[in-house]
Amino acid sequence: MKIKTFDAGAVFKWTKEYLIKVLTMARNPIVTDPLIVNALNRIDRKDFLPDTLKEQAYNDVELDIGYSQVLNKPTVIAQMIAVLKPEFGGRYLDIGTGTGYSAMLLAFIAGEEGHVYTMERVQWIWEQASMNAKKYPDIKNIDFLYRDGVTGLPQKAPFDGIHVAFALDTIPDSLKMQLKVNGGRLVCPTTDMNLKVLERKGIDEYEEEIVPGFIFDKAQQGLA
């Protein structure tokens, strides 16, 4: 699978409708799953940005949200969720909450029968993400946790999917073991500028796919 990139440009201002068309109706669309399409329509990226950045909400650029953290490009977020293959009723772990946008997309997809746990190590960002989520009071199947997420959340495992929002040198076995056997998927950037996609096929058996061309900040540890 090839990474798709788009230039927001200075003349044409992207709208939510145009962004969704880019994601879903291009010649080789990033998103084809109706569950993800519905989530992109329902969960508005603008709701997860401060007022000073709202005008750039739909441009295909990463945005600085403070504390050396960024909200990734919408095309990158969509690609990561697409390869995670979330399903209704699934249980998901989101490591690196950021603004909360990706976690809320997953929560909407999982629905009332599923659940999402999202973990953030920077207190101010965790607080902001929790406030952003309150704009969607009907979505209750999500827990925002203030803690270091590098080791995952073994007490709530197994998960149908794990989404990691920062780059790791290697994916630790302790995190892989938190995936559901026979179908659990993990999506994680790596420090060699790739996106690693793992699917757990058995107790100690994993199928791996490498998607090149993803640059993420390296994981930091400890609460801040």
Foldseek 3Di string as FASTA:
>chain_A
DAQDADALDDPDQDDLVNLLCQQDPPPDHLDPDVLLSVLSVVQQQLLLAPPVCSSNSRGQQWADRDPPDIRHGPSVLSNQVRLQPAAALFEEEEEACQSVRSVSSNLSRNPPNYAYEYEHQEVVRLVNNVVSCVVPVVRDRYHRYHFHDLLHDQVPAQGLEYEYQAADQDRDPSVVQRHDAQRRWYWHHHQVQWIWIWGHHHNPDIDIDIHHHHDGHHDDDHHD
